[in-house]
């Protein structure tokens, strides 16, 4: 999915000759902290609510910000996941999308981006999640897949992230079934370190843990 597919065309854009009260009113009406500023269909940058409130007289126009607009944007062919670091870097809840010649196409809302990221990582899908911690040199995707498939399950999503400063990788598996007792046992048999898992096995573990805590309490 590219950024073009997430654009919300209802988000307004501003011109340099627009007044600051107009900009603030539109931000309030559309529940955004920033708005794109364009000139002759060309994207110039973002103006933020905090900049208007902190540094300007409300009688001014956006012309005074022409050289200081925030240069946040993404191209129409960019994968949508690239929008997340841009959103974080500039602390904005919209991300402008521009064409190859710098023309303004539209903007993505951060909420839509969050929903798309959730779907992308499989958070809305049925099944269990297992998080493993594996040394970088010992990572074998084929072995992980073989262990999961040996129980008749399938890996729907796999995500790998580093845990600095160590050489440990955090590997998150989204699996298409919730009964994961035998899968957990298989990973443990292969000496994998399991830092988290969810599914029916987790529910049973919580019952056992709560029962043991109750028994320990009654023995006091």
N, C-alpha and C. Protein backbone atom coordinates (compact mmCIF):
# COMPACT_ATOMS: atom_id res chain seq x y z
N UNK A 1 0.84 -1.20 0.00
CA UNK A 1 0.00 0.00 0.00
C UNK A 1 0.88 1.25 0.00
N UNK A 2 0.56 2.20 -0.84
CA UNK A 2 1.32 3.44 -0.90
C UNK A 2 0.58 4.56 -0.16
N UNK A 3 1.28 5.67 0.02
CA UNK A 3 0.68 6.81 0.71
C UNK A 3 -0.56 7.32 -0.03
N UNK A 4 -0.56 7.18 -1.34
CA UNK A 4 -1.68 7.68 -2.15
C UNK A 4 -2.99 7.04 -1.73
N UNK A 5 -2.96 5.80 -1.30
CA UNK A 5 -4.17 5.06 -0.94
C UNK A 5 -4.73 5.45 0.42
N UNK A 6 -4.00 6.22 1.21
CA UNK A 6 -4.47 6.62 2.54
C UNK A 6 -4.86 8.10 2.62
N UNK A 7 -4.81 8.79 1.51
CA UNK A 7 -5.07 10.24 1.53
C UNK A 7 -6.51 10.55 1.93
N UNK A 8 -6.66 11.53 2.81
CA UNK A 8 -7.96 12.07 3.18
C UNK A 8 -8.12 13.41 2.47
N UNK A 9 -8.96 13.44 1.43
CA UNK A 9 -9.09 14.64 0.61
C UNK A 9 -9.94 15.73 1.26
N UNK A 10 -10.48 15.45 2.46
CA UNK A 10 -11.28 16.48 3.14
C UNK A 10 -10.41 17.47 3.91
N UNK A 11 -9.14 17.14 4.13
CA UNK A 11 -8.26 18.05 4.88
C UNK A 11 -7.98 19.29 4.02
N UNK A 12 -8.26 20.47 4.55
CA UNK A 12 -8.09 21.68 3.74
C UNK A 12 -6.62 22.08 3.61
N UNK A 13 -6.34 22.93 2.65
CA UNK A 13 -5.01 23.50 2.50
C UNK A 13 -5.11 25.02 2.56
N UNK A 14 -4.00 25.63 2.89
CA UNK A 14 -3.95 27.08 3.05
C UNK A 14 -3.11 27.72 1.96
N UNK A 15 -3.40 29.01 1.70
CA UNK A 15 -2.60 29.82 0.78
C UNK A 15 -1.80 30.85 1.60
N UNK A 16 -0.74 31.37 1.01
CA UNK A 16 0.09 32.34 1.73
C UNK A 16 -0.67 33.60 2.12
N UNK A 17 -1.71 33.94 1.35
CA UNK A 17 -2.46 35.16 1.68
C UNK A 17 -3.60 34.92 2.66
N UNK A 18 -3.72 33.69 3.18
CA UNK A 18 -4.74 33.41 4.20
C UNK A 18 -4.31 34.02 5.53
N UNK A 19 -5.28 34.43 6.30
CA UNK A 19 -4.98 35.04 7.59
C UNK A 19 -4.73 33.97 8.65
N UNK A 20 -4.07 34.37 9.72
CA UNK A 20 -3.79 33.43 10.80
C UNK A 20 -5.07 32.98 11.52
N UNK A 21 -6.06 33.88 11.76
CA UNK A 21 -7.31 33.39 12.35
C UNK A 21 -8.00 32.33 11.50
N UNK A 22 -7.93 32.47 10.18
CA UNK A 22 -8.53 31.46 9.31
C UNK A 22 -7.82 30.12 9.48
N UNK A 23 -6.50 30.17 9.54
CA UNK A 23 -5.73 28.94 9.71
C UNK A 23 -6.07 28.26 11.03
N UNK A 24 -6.15 29.03 12.10
CA UNK A 24 -6.49 28.47 13.42
C UNK A 24 -7.90 27.89 13.42
N UNK A 25 -8.83 28.57 12.77
CA UNK A 25 -10.21 28.09 12.74
C UNK A 25 -10.31 26.76 11.98
N UNK A 26 -9.59 26.65 10.86
CA UNK A 26 -9.62 25.40 10.10
C UNK A 26 -8.98 24.26 10.89
N UNK A 27 -7.91 24.55 11.59
CA UNK A 27 -7.28 23.52 12.42
C UNK A 27 -8.24 23.03 13.50
N UNK A 28 -8.94 23.95 14.09
CA UNK A 28 -9.92 23.59 15.11
C UNK A 28 -11.09 22.79 14.52
N UNK A 29 -11.58 23.23 13.36
CA UNK A 29 -12.73 22.56 12.74
C UNK A 29 -12.40 21.13 12.31
N UNK A 30 -11.18 20.92 11.83
CA UNK A 30 -10.81 19.59 11.31
C UNK A 30 -9.96 18.79 12.30
N UNK A 31 -9.82 19.31 13.53
CA UNK A 31 -9.14 18.59 14.61
C UNK A 31 -7.72 18.17 14.21
N UNK A 32 -6.95 19.12 13.69
CA UNK A 32 -5.55 18.87 13.33
C UNK A 32 -4.67 19.94 13.95
N UNK A 33 -3.39 19.62 14.11
CA UNK A 33 -2.44 20.57 14.69
C UNK A 33 -1.62 21.29 13.63
N UNK A 34 -1.68 20.81 12.39
CA UNK A 34 -0.94 21.39 11.28
C UNK A 34 -1.83 21.41 10.04
N UNK A 35 -1.48 22.29 9.10
CA UNK A 35 -2.15 22.29 7.80
C UNK A 35 -1.11 22.58 6.71
N UNK A 36 -1.31 22.02 5.52
CA UNK A 36 -0.38 22.29 4.42
C UNK A 36 -0.61 23.67 3.82
N UNK A 37 0.48 24.30 3.41
CA UNK A 37 0.42 25.60 2.73
C UNK A 37 0.89 25.39 1.30
N UNK A 38 0.09 25.86 0.33
CA UNK A 38 0.43 25.68 -1.08
C UNK A 38 0.41 27.02 -1.80
N UNK A 39 1.06 27.05 -2.94
CA UNK A 39 1.05 28.23 -3.82
C UNK A 39 1.05 27.74 -5.27
N UNK A 40 -0.01 28.09 -5.99
CA UNK A 40 -0.15 27.63 -7.39
C UNK A 40 -0.05 26.11 -7.48
N UNK A 41 -0.76 25.43 -6.58
CA UNK A 41 -0.82 23.96 -6.51
C UNK A 41 0.49 23.32 -6.04
N UNK A 42 1.51 24.10 -5.79
CA UNK A 42 2.80 23.55 -5.35
C UNK A 42 2.86 23.56 -3.82
N UNK A 43 3.29 22.45 -3.25
CA UNK A 43 3.38 22.33 -1.80
C UNK A 43 4.58 23.10 -1.27
N UNK A 44 4.34 23.96 -0.26
CA UNK A 44 5.41 24.76 0.33
C UNK A 44 5.87 24.21 1.67
N UNK A 45 4.96 23.62 2.45
CA UNK A 45 5.31 23.10 3.77
C UNK A 45 4.12 23.15 4.70
N UNK A 46 4.34 22.73 5.94
CA UNK A 46 3.29 22.73 6.96
C UNK A 46 3.42 23.93 7.87
N UNK A 47 2.28 24.44 8.30
CA UNK A 47 2.23 25.47 9.34
C UNK A 47 1.59 24.84 10.57
N UNK A 48 2.16 25.11 11.74
CA UNK A 48 1.64 24.49 12.96
C UNK A 48 0.84 25.49 13.79
N UNK A 49 -0.08 24.96 14.55
CA UNK A 49 -0.90 25.78 15.45
C UNK A 49 -0.02 26.49 16.48
N UNK A 50 0.97 25.78 17.02
CA UNK A 50 1.82 26.37 18.05
C UNK A 50 2.65 27.53 17.51
N UNK A 51 3.11 27.45 16.26
CA UNK A 51 3.87 28.56 15.67
C UNK A 51 3.01 29.81 15.56
N UNK A 52 1.77 29.62 15.15
CA UNK A 52 0.87 30.78 15.00
C UNK A 52 0.60 31.42 16.35
N UNK A 53 0.35 30.60 17.36
CA UNK A 53 0.00 31.13 18.67
C UNK A 53 1.19 31.75 19.40
N UNK A 54 2.39 31.24 19.15
CA UNK A 54 3.56 31.67 19.91
C UNK A 54 4.26 32.90 19.36
N UNK A 55 4.21 33.09 18.02
CA UNK A 55 5.13 34.07 17.44
C UNK A 55 4.49 35.17 16.61
N UNK A 56 3.19 35.19 16.48
CA UNK A 56 2.63 36.11 15.49
C UNK A 56 1.50 36.97 16.04
N UNK A 57 1.30 38.09 15.34
CA UNK A 57 0.10 38.88 15.54
C UNK A 57 -1.00 38.29 14.67
N UNK A 58 -2.19 38.17 15.21
CA UNK A 58 -3.27 37.54 14.47
C UNK A 58 -3.70 38.34 13.23
N UNK A 59 -3.23 39.56 13.12
CA UNK A 59 -3.55 40.36 11.94
C UNK A 59 -2.68 39.99 10.74
N UNK A 60 -1.62 39.19 10.98
CA UNK A 60 -0.71 38.79 9.90
C UNK A 60 -1.33 37.72 9.00
N UNK A 61 -0.67 37.51 7.87
CA UNK A 61 -1.04 36.40 6.98
C UNK A 61 0.07 35.35 7.03
N UNK A 62 -0.16 34.23 6.37
CA UNK A 62 0.83 33.16 6.37
C UNK A 62 2.09 33.51 5.59
N UNK A 63 2.08 34.62 4.89
CA UNK A 63 3.24 35.08 4.13
C UNK A 63 4.47 35.21 5.02
N UNK A 64 4.26 35.56 6.29
CA UNK A 64 5.40 35.76 7.18
C UNK A 64 6.12 34.45 7.50
N UNK A 65 5.48 33.32 7.22
CA UNK A 65 6.08 32.02 7.49
C UNK A 65 6.67 31.36 6.24
N UNK A 66 6.67 32.05 5.15
CA UNK A 66 7.05 31.44 3.86
C UNK A 66 8.40 30.74 3.92
N UNK A 67 9.36 31.30 4.65
CA UNK A 67 10.70 30.72 4.72
C UNK A 67 10.87 29.77 5.90
N UNK A 68 9.84 29.61 6.72
CA UNK A 68 9.98 28.81 7.95
C UNK A 68 8.98 27.67 8.05
N UNK A 69 8.36 27.31 6.95
CA UNK A 69 7.38 26.22 6.99
C UNK A 69 8.08 24.87 7.21
N UNK A 70 7.37 23.95 7.82
CA UNK A 70 7.92 22.63 8.13
C UNK A 70 7.96 21.78 6.86
N UNK A 71 9.12 21.23 6.49
CA UNK A 71 9.26 20.53 5.20
C UNK A 71 8.84 19.06 5.23
N UNK A 72 7.79 18.75 5.94
CA UNK A 72 7.35 17.36 6.05
C UNK A 72 6.51 16.96 4.85
N UNK A 73 6.86 15.85 4.20
CA UNK A 73 6.07 15.35 3.07
C UNK A 73 6.58 13.98 2.66
N UNK A 74 5.76 13.29 1.87
CA UNK A 74 6.12 12.01 1.29
C UNK A 74 5.63 11.97 -0.15
N UNK A 75 6.29 11.16 -0.98
CA UNK A 75 5.86 11.01 -2.36
C UNK A 75 4.69 10.06 -2.51
N UNK A 76 3.99 10.14 -3.62
CA UNK A 76 2.79 9.33 -3.84
C UNK A 76 3.11 7.85 -4.00
N UNK A 77 4.33 7.50 -4.37
CA UNK A 77 4.68 6.09 -4.56
C UNK A 77 5.40 5.51 -3.35
N UNK A 78 5.51 6.27 -2.27
CA UNK A 78 6.20 5.81 -1.06
C UNK A 78 5.32 4.82 -0.30
N UNK A 79 5.94 3.76 0.23
CA UNK A 79 5.19 2.81 1.04
C UNK A 79 4.68 3.52 2.29
N UNK A 80 3.44 3.20 2.68
CA UNK A 80 2.79 3.97 3.74
C UNK A 80 3.51 3.88 5.08
N UNK A 81 4.27 2.81 5.34
CA UNK A 81 4.97 2.68 6.62
C UNK A 81 6.02 3.77 6.81
N UNK A 82 6.49 4.36 5.71
CA UNK A 82 7.49 5.44 5.80
C UNK A 82 6.89 6.71 6.39
N UNK A 83 5.56 6.77 6.48
CA UNK A 83 4.92 7.96 7.03
C UNK A 83 5.07 8.03 8.54
N UNK A 84 5.22 6.89 9.20
CA UNK A 84 5.30 6.87 10.66
C UNK A 84 6.49 7.66 11.20
N UNK A 85 7.73 7.44 10.70
CA UNK A 85 8.84 8.25 11.22
C UNK A 85 8.73 9.74 10.90
N UNK A 86 8.10 10.07 9.76
CA UNK A 86 7.89 11.48 9.42
C UNK A 86 6.93 12.12 10.41
N UNK A 87 5.85 11.40 10.70
CA UNK A 87 4.86 11.87 11.67
C UNK A 87 5.50 12.09 13.03
N UNK A 88 6.36 11.16 13.44
CA UNK A 88 7.03 11.26 14.75
C UNK A 88 8.05 12.40 14.76
N UNK A 89 8.83 12.51 13.69
CA UNK A 89 9.89 13.52 13.63
C UNK A 89 9.34 14.93 13.77
N UNK A 90 8.23 15.21 13.07
CA UNK A 90 7.68 16.57 13.07
C UNK A 90 6.51 16.75 14.03
N UNK A 91 6.18 15.68 14.79
CA UNK A 91 5.11 15.74 15.78
C UNK A 91 3.83 16.33 15.20
N UNK A 92 3.42 15.79 14.07
CA UNK A 92 2.22 16.27 13.39
C UNK A 92 1.20 15.16 13.27
N UNK A 93 -0.09 15.51 13.22
CA UNK A 93 -1.12 14.48 13.04
C UNK A 93 -1.64 14.43 11.60
N UNK A 94 -0.94 15.10 10.67
CA UNK A 94 -1.19 14.90 9.24
C UNK A 94 0.15 14.83 8.52
N UNK A 95 0.19 14.09 7.42
CA UNK A 95 1.40 13.96 6.63
C UNK A 95 1.06 14.28 5.18
N UNK A 96 1.54 15.40 4.62
CA UNK A 96 1.24 15.75 3.23
C UNK A 96 1.86 14.77 2.23
N UNK A 97 1.16 14.56 1.14
CA UNK A 97 1.64 13.69 0.06
C UNK A 97 1.76 14.56 -1.20
N UNK A 98 2.91 14.48 -1.86
CA UNK A 98 3.16 15.33 -3.02
C UNK A 98 3.51 14.49 -4.25
N UNK A 99 3.30 15.06 -5.43
CA UNK A 99 3.64 14.41 -6.68
C UNK A 99 5.10 14.58 -7.02
N UNK A 100 5.51 14.02 -8.16
CA UNK A 100 6.92 14.05 -8.56
C UNK A 100 7.43 15.46 -8.81
N UNK A 101 6.55 16.39 -9.19
CA UNK A 101 6.98 17.76 -9.46
C UNK A 101 6.74 18.69 -8.28
N UNK A 102 6.40 18.12 -7.12
CA UNK A 102 6.19 18.93 -5.92
C UNK A 102 4.78 19.45 -5.76
N UNK A 103 3.85 19.01 -6.63
CA UNK A 103 2.47 19.45 -6.50
C UNK A 103 1.78 18.73 -5.35
N UNK A 104 0.91 19.46 -4.66
CA UNK A 104 0.23 18.91 -3.50
C UNK A 104 -0.90 17.98 -3.94
N UNK A 105 -0.91 16.74 -3.40
CA UNK A 105 -1.92 15.75 -3.75
C UNK A 105 -2.99 15.63 -2.66
N UNK A 106 -2.56 15.62 -1.41
CA UNK A 106 -3.49 15.49 -0.28
C UNK A 106 -2.70 15.17 0.97
N UNK A 107 -3.41 14.85 2.05
CA UNK A 107 -2.74 14.56 3.32
C UNK A 107 -3.31 13.30 3.97
N UNK A 108 -2.47 12.64 4.75
CA UNK A 108 -2.87 11.46 5.51
C UNK A 108 -3.05 11.85 6.97
N UNK A 109 -4.15 11.42 7.57
CA UNK A 109 -4.34 11.62 9.00
C UNK A 109 -3.57 10.55 9.76
N UNK A 110 -3.01 10.93 10.91
CA UNK A 110 -2.24 9.97 11.71
C UNK A 110 -3.11 8.82 12.20
N UNK A 111 -4.41 9.06 12.43
CA UNK A 111 -5.30 7.99 12.88
C UNK A 111 -5.47 6.93 11.79
N UNK A 112 -5.60 7.36 10.53
CA UNK A 112 -5.70 6.41 9.43
C UNK A 112 -4.40 5.64 9.26
N UNK A 113 -3.29 6.34 9.48
CA UNK A 113 -1.99 5.68 9.41
C UNK A 113 -1.88 4.61 10.49
N UNK A 114 -2.35 4.93 11.70
CA UNK A 114 -2.31 3.97 12.80
C UNK A 114 -3.15 2.75 12.49
N UNK A 115 -4.35 2.96 11.93
CA UNK A 115 -5.20 1.83 11.56
C UNK A 115 -4.55 0.95 10.51
N UNK A 116 -3.92 1.60 9.52
CA UNK A 116 -3.25 0.85 8.46
C UNK A 116 -2.07 0.06 9.01
N UNK A 117 -1.32 0.66 9.94
CA UNK A 117 -0.19 -0.03 10.55
C UNK A 117 -0.66 -1.24 11.35
N UNK A 118 -1.81 -1.08 12.05
CA UNK A 118 -2.37 -2.20 12.81
C UNK A 118 -2.75 -3.36 11.92
N UNK A 119 -3.39 -3.05 10.80
CA UNK A 119 -3.76 -4.09 9.84
C UNK A 119 -2.52 -4.74 9.23
N UNK A 120 -1.51 -3.92 8.99
CA UNK A 120 -0.28 -4.41 8.36
C UNK A 120 0.44 -5.42 9.24
N UNK A 121 0.44 -5.19 10.55
CA UNK A 121 1.15 -6.10 11.46
C UNK A 121 0.26 -7.23 11.97
N UNK A 122 -1.01 -7.27 11.50
CA UNK A 122 -1.88 -8.39 11.83
C UNK A 122 -2.57 -8.31 13.17
N UNK A 123 -2.61 -7.12 13.77
CA UNK A 123 -3.21 -7.00 15.10
C UNK A 123 -4.71 -7.27 15.11
N UNK A 124 -5.37 -7.14 13.94
CA UNK A 124 -6.81 -7.37 13.87
C UNK A 124 -7.18 -8.79 13.45
N UNK A 125 -6.19 -9.63 13.23
CA UNK A 125 -6.47 -10.97 12.74
C UNK A 125 -6.61 -11.97 13.88
N UNK A 126 -7.39 -13.02 13.61
CA UNK A 126 -7.57 -14.10 14.58
C UNK A 126 -6.28 -14.87 14.74
N UNK A 127 -5.97 -15.27 15.95
CA UNK A 127 -4.81 -16.09 16.17
C UNK A 127 -4.01 -15.65 17.37
N UNK A 128 -2.89 -16.30 17.57
CA UNK A 128 -2.02 -16.04 18.72
C UNK A 128 -0.78 -15.29 18.29
N UNK A 129 -0.09 -14.74 19.28
CA UNK A 129 1.17 -14.04 19.04
C UNK A 129 2.24 -14.64 19.94
N UNK A 130 3.42 -14.84 19.38
CA UNK A 130 4.56 -15.34 20.14
C UNK A 130 5.74 -14.42 19.89
N UNK A 131 6.40 -13.99 20.96
CA UNK A 131 7.58 -13.13 20.85
C UNK A 131 8.79 -13.89 21.37
N UNK A 132 9.77 -14.05 20.50
CA UNK A 132 11.00 -14.76 20.84
C UNK A 132 12.17 -13.80 20.91
N UNK A 133 13.16 -14.14 21.73
CA UNK A 133 14.41 -13.39 21.76
C UNK A 133 15.52 -14.33 21.29
N UNK A 134 16.14 -13.97 20.18
CA UNK A 134 17.10 -14.85 19.51
C UNK A 134 18.39 -14.10 19.24
N UNK A 135 19.52 -14.74 19.45
CA UNK A 135 20.79 -14.13 19.09
C UNK A 135 20.86 -13.95 17.57
N UNK A 136 21.43 -12.84 17.17
CA UNK A 136 21.48 -12.49 15.75
C UNK A 136 22.05 -13.63 14.90
N UNK A 137 23.11 -14.25 15.38
CA UNK A 137 23.80 -15.28 14.60
C UNK A 137 22.99 -16.57 14.51
N UNK A 138 22.00 -16.75 15.38
CA UNK A 138 21.24 -18.00 15.42
C UNK A 138 19.85 -17.90 14.81
N UNK A 139 19.54 -16.76 14.21
CA UNK A 139 18.21 -16.60 13.62
C UNK A 139 18.08 -17.43 12.35
N UNK A 140 17.03 -18.25 12.31
CA UNK A 140 16.74 -19.05 11.13
C UNK A 140 15.24 -19.00 10.87
N UNK A 141 14.84 -18.21 9.88
CA UNK A 141 13.43 -18.07 9.56
C UNK A 141 12.83 -19.42 9.14
N UNK A 142 13.60 -20.20 8.41
CA UNK A 142 13.09 -21.49 7.96
C UNK A 142 12.81 -22.42 9.12
N UNK A 143 13.65 -22.37 10.16
CA UNK A 143 13.41 -23.22 11.33
C UNK A 143 12.18 -22.77 12.10
N UNK A 144 12.01 -21.47 12.25
CA UNK A 144 10.82 -20.95 12.92
C UNK A 144 9.56 -21.40 12.18
N UNK A 145 9.60 -21.28 10.87
CA UNK A 145 8.45 -21.66 10.06
C UNK A 145 8.17 -23.16 10.16
N UNK A 146 9.24 -23.95 10.20
CA UNK A 146 9.09 -25.41 10.31
C UNK A 146 8.45 -25.80 11.63
N UNK A 147 8.85 -25.14 12.72
CA UNK A 147 8.28 -25.44 14.03
C UNK A 147 6.79 -25.13 14.06
N UNK A 148 6.42 -23.99 13.52
CA UNK A 148 5.02 -23.58 13.51
C UNK A 148 4.20 -24.51 12.61
N UNK A 149 4.71 -24.82 11.43
CA UNK A 149 3.98 -25.66 10.49
C UNK A 149 3.86 -27.10 10.97
N UNK A 150 4.77 -27.54 11.84
CA UNK A 150 4.70 -28.90 12.35
C UNK A 150 3.47 -29.12 13.21
N UNK A 151 2.87 -28.02 13.68
CA UNK A 151 1.64 -28.11 14.45
C UNK A 151 0.41 -27.77 13.61
N UNK A 152 0.59 -27.72 12.30
CA UNK A 152 -0.52 -27.43 11.40
C UNK A 152 -0.92 -25.96 11.36
N UNK A 153 -0.03 -25.09 11.83
CA UNK A 153 -0.32 -23.65 11.85
C UNK A 153 0.50 -22.94 10.78
N UNK A 154 0.19 -21.66 10.58
CA UNK A 154 0.87 -20.85 9.58
C UNK A 154 1.26 -19.51 10.19
N UNK A 155 2.45 -19.03 9.86
CA UNK A 155 2.87 -17.69 10.28
C UNK A 155 2.22 -16.67 9.36
N UNK A 156 1.36 -15.83 9.92
CA UNK A 156 0.70 -14.80 9.13
C UNK A 156 1.57 -13.56 8.98
N UNK A 157 2.25 -13.19 10.06
CA UNK A 157 3.11 -12.01 10.05
C UNK A 157 4.35 -12.32 10.88
N UNK A 158 5.48 -11.78 10.45
CA UNK A 158 6.73 -11.92 11.17
C UNK A 158 7.43 -10.58 11.20
N UNK A 159 7.80 -10.15 12.39
CA UNK A 159 8.48 -8.86 12.54
C UNK A 159 9.75 -9.06 13.36
N UNK A 160 10.83 -8.43 12.92
CA UNK A 160 12.12 -8.56 13.61
C UNK A 160 12.61 -7.17 14.00
N UNK A 161 12.97 -7.01 15.26
CA UNK A 161 13.54 -5.73 15.73
C UNK A 161 14.72 -6.02 16.64
N UNK A 162 15.70 -5.14 16.60
CA UNK A 162 16.91 -5.33 17.42
C UNK A 162 16.69 -4.80 18.82
N UNK A 163 17.40 -5.40 19.78
CA UNK A 163 17.37 -4.94 21.16
C UNK A 163 18.76 -4.44 21.52
N UNK A 164 19.07 -3.17 21.14
CA UNK A 164 20.41 -2.64 21.41
C UNK A 164 20.62 -2.48 22.92
N UNK A 165 21.89 -2.52 23.36
CA UNK A 165 23.12 -2.65 22.55
C UNK A 165 23.55 -4.10 22.34
N UNK A 166 22.71 -5.05 22.74
CA UNK A 166 23.07 -6.47 22.61
C UNK A 166 22.90 -6.93 21.17
N UNK A 167 23.28 -8.17 20.92
CA UNK A 167 23.11 -8.79 19.62
C UNK A 167 21.84 -9.65 19.58
N UNK A 168 20.88 -9.30 20.45
CA UNK A 168 19.64 -10.05 20.55
C UNK A 168 18.59 -9.43 19.63
N UNK A 169 17.87 -10.29 18.93
CA UNK A 169 16.76 -9.86 18.08
C UNK A 169 15.44 -10.27 18.72
N UNK A 170 14.46 -9.39 18.66
CA UNK A 170 13.11 -9.71 19.13
C UNK A 170 12.28 -10.07 17.91
N UNK A 171 11.84 -11.30 17.86
CA UNK A 171 11.10 -11.82 16.70
C UNK A 171 9.65 -12.06 17.12
N UNK A 172 8.73 -11.36 16.47
CA UNK A 172 7.31 -11.47 16.78
C UNK A 172 6.61 -12.25 15.68
N UNK A 173 5.92 -13.31 16.09
CA UNK A 173 5.19 -14.17 15.16
C UNK A 173 3.70 -14.05 15.40
N UNK A 174 2.95 -13.76 14.37
CA UNK A 174 1.48 -13.80 14.43
C UNK A 174 1.06 -15.10 13.74
N UNK A 175 0.33 -15.96 14.47
CA UNK A 175 0.00 -17.30 14.00
C UNK A 175 -1.51 -17.42 13.83
N UNK A 176 -1.94 -18.25 12.90
CA UNK A 176 -3.36 -18.33 12.53
C UNK A 176 -4.18 -19.29 13.39
N UNK A 177 -3.73 -19.55 14.61
CA UNK A 177 -4.53 -20.37 15.53
C UNK A 177 -4.27 -19.91 16.95
N UNK A 178 -5.20 -20.20 17.84
CA UNK A 178 -5.07 -19.75 19.23
C UNK A 178 -4.58 -20.84 20.17
N UNK A 179 -4.75 -22.09 19.78
CA UNK A 179 -4.28 -23.20 20.61
C UNK A 179 -2.80 -23.42 20.35
N UNK A 180 -1.97 -22.87 21.21
CA UNK A 180 -0.53 -22.83 20.90
C UNK A 180 0.32 -23.62 21.90
N UNK A 181 -0.30 -24.46 22.73
CA UNK A 181 0.46 -25.19 23.75
C UNK A 181 1.58 -26.02 23.13
N UNK A 182 1.28 -26.74 22.06
CA UNK A 182 2.31 -27.59 21.45
C UNK A 182 3.38 -26.76 20.74
N UNK A 183 2.99 -25.62 20.20
CA UNK A 183 3.97 -24.75 19.54
C UNK A 183 4.93 -24.17 20.57
N UNK A 184 4.38 -23.72 21.69
CA UNK A 184 5.22 -23.20 22.78
C UNK A 184 6.17 -24.28 23.26
N UNK A 185 5.65 -25.51 23.44
CA UNK A 185 6.50 -26.61 23.89
C UNK A 185 7.60 -26.91 22.88
N UNK A 186 7.30 -26.80 21.60
CA UNK A 186 8.31 -27.05 20.56
C UNK A 186 9.41 -26.01 20.60
N UNK A 187 9.03 -24.74 20.75
CA UNK A 187 10.04 -23.68 20.84
C UNK A 187 10.93 -23.88 22.07
N UNK A 188 10.32 -24.27 23.17
CA UNK A 188 11.10 -24.50 24.38
C UNK A 188 12.03 -25.70 24.20
N UNK A 189 11.57 -26.73 23.48
CA UNK A 189 12.39 -27.91 23.23
C UNK A 189 13.62 -27.56 22.39
N UNK A 190 13.45 -26.57 21.51
CA UNK A 190 14.57 -26.11 20.69
C UNK A 190 15.36 -24.99 21.39
N UNK A 191 15.10 -24.79 22.67
CA UNK A 191 15.84 -23.82 23.50
C UNK A 191 15.64 -22.37 23.06
N UNK A 192 14.48 -22.05 22.53
CA UNK A 192 14.17 -20.66 22.21
C UNK A 192 13.70 -19.93 23.47
N UNK A 193 14.13 -18.69 23.60
CA UNK A 193 13.70 -17.85 24.72
C UNK A 193 12.40 -17.14 24.34
N UNK A 194 11.33 -17.42 25.08
CA UNK A 194 10.01 -16.85 24.79
C UNK A 194 9.74 -15.74 25.79
N UNK A 195 9.63 -14.51 25.31
CA UNK A 195 9.42 -13.37 26.21
C UNK A 195 7.94 -13.02 26.38
N UNK A 196 7.11 -13.46 25.43
CA UNK A 196 5.67 -13.15 25.51
C UNK A 196 4.91 -14.05 24.56
N UNK A 197 3.69 -14.42 24.96
CA UNK A 197 2.80 -15.08 24.03
C UNK A 197 1.36 -14.86 24.46
N UNK A 198 0.47 -14.92 23.50
CA UNK A 198 -0.96 -14.78 23.78
C UNK A 198 -1.70 -15.89 23.07
N UNK A 199 -2.85 -16.24 23.58
CA UNK A 199 -3.62 -17.35 23.02
C UNK A 199 -4.25 -18.14 24.15
N UNK A 200 -4.81 -19.28 23.86
CA UNK A 200 -5.50 -20.06 24.89
C UNK A 200 -4.53 -20.64 25.90
N UNK A 201 -3.30 -20.88 25.48
CA UNK A 201 -2.29 -21.38 26.41
C UNK A 201 -2.01 -20.34 27.48
N UNK A 202 -2.00 -19.07 27.10
CA UNK A 202 -1.79 -18.00 28.06
C UNK A 202 -2.91 -17.96 29.07
N UNK A 203 -4.14 -18.16 28.62
CA UNK A 203 -5.29 -18.15 29.52
C UNK A 203 -5.17 -19.26 30.56
N UNK A 204 -4.75 -20.47 30.12
CA UNK A 204 -4.58 -21.57 31.04
C UNK A 204 -3.46 -21.28 32.03
N UNK A 205 -2.38 -20.67 31.55
CA UNK A 205 -1.27 -20.33 32.44
C UNK A 205 -1.70 -19.33 33.51
N UNK A 206 -2.53 -18.35 33.13
CA UNK A 206 -3.00 -17.36 34.08
C UNK A 206 -3.87 -18.00 35.16
N UNK A 207 -4.72 -18.96 34.76
CA UNK A 207 -5.55 -19.66 35.73
C UNK A 207 -4.68 -20.42 36.73
N UNK A 208 -3.68 -21.15 36.19
CA UNK A 208 -2.79 -21.91 37.07
C UNK A 208 -2.00 -21.01 38.01
N UNK A 209 -1.53 -19.88 37.46
CA UNK A 209 -0.78 -18.94 38.29
C UNK A 209 -1.65 -18.35 39.39
N UNK A 210 -2.86 -17.94 39.04
CA UNK A 210 -3.78 -17.39 40.04
C UNK A 210 -4.13 -18.42 41.10
N UNK A 211 -4.31 -19.68 40.66
CA UNK A 211 -4.63 -20.75 41.62
C UNK A 211 -3.48 -20.95 42.59
N UNK A 212 -2.25 -20.99 42.06
CA UNK A 212 -1.10 -21.18 42.93
C UNK A 212 -0.93 -20.02 43.90
N UNK A 213 -1.18 -18.79 43.42
CA UNK A 213 -1.10 -17.63 44.30
C UNK A 213 -2.13 -17.71 45.42
N UNK A 214 -3.33 -18.18 45.06
CA UNK A 214 -4.39 -18.34 46.08
C UNK A 214 -4.00 -19.37 47.12
N UNK A 215 -3.44 -20.51 46.67
CA UNK A 215 -3.03 -21.55 47.60
C UNK A 215 -1.91 -21.06 48.52
N UNK A 216 -0.97 -20.32 47.94
CA UNK A 216 0.11 -19.77 48.75
C UNK A 216 -0.41 -18.79 49.79
N UNK A 217 -1.40 -18.01 49.39
CA UNK A 217 -2.00 -17.05 50.32
C UNK A 217 -2.72 -17.75 51.46
N UNK A 218 -3.45 -18.82 51.15
CA UNK A 218 -4.20 -19.57 52.17
C UNK A 218 -3.26 -20.30 53.12
N UNK A 219 -2.04 -20.61 52.67
CA UNK A 219 -1.08 -21.30 53.53
C UNK A 219 -0.39 -20.39 54.52
N UNK A 220 -0.53 -19.07 54.29
CA UNK A 220 0.14 -18.09 55.18
C UNK A 220 -0.47 -18.15 56.57
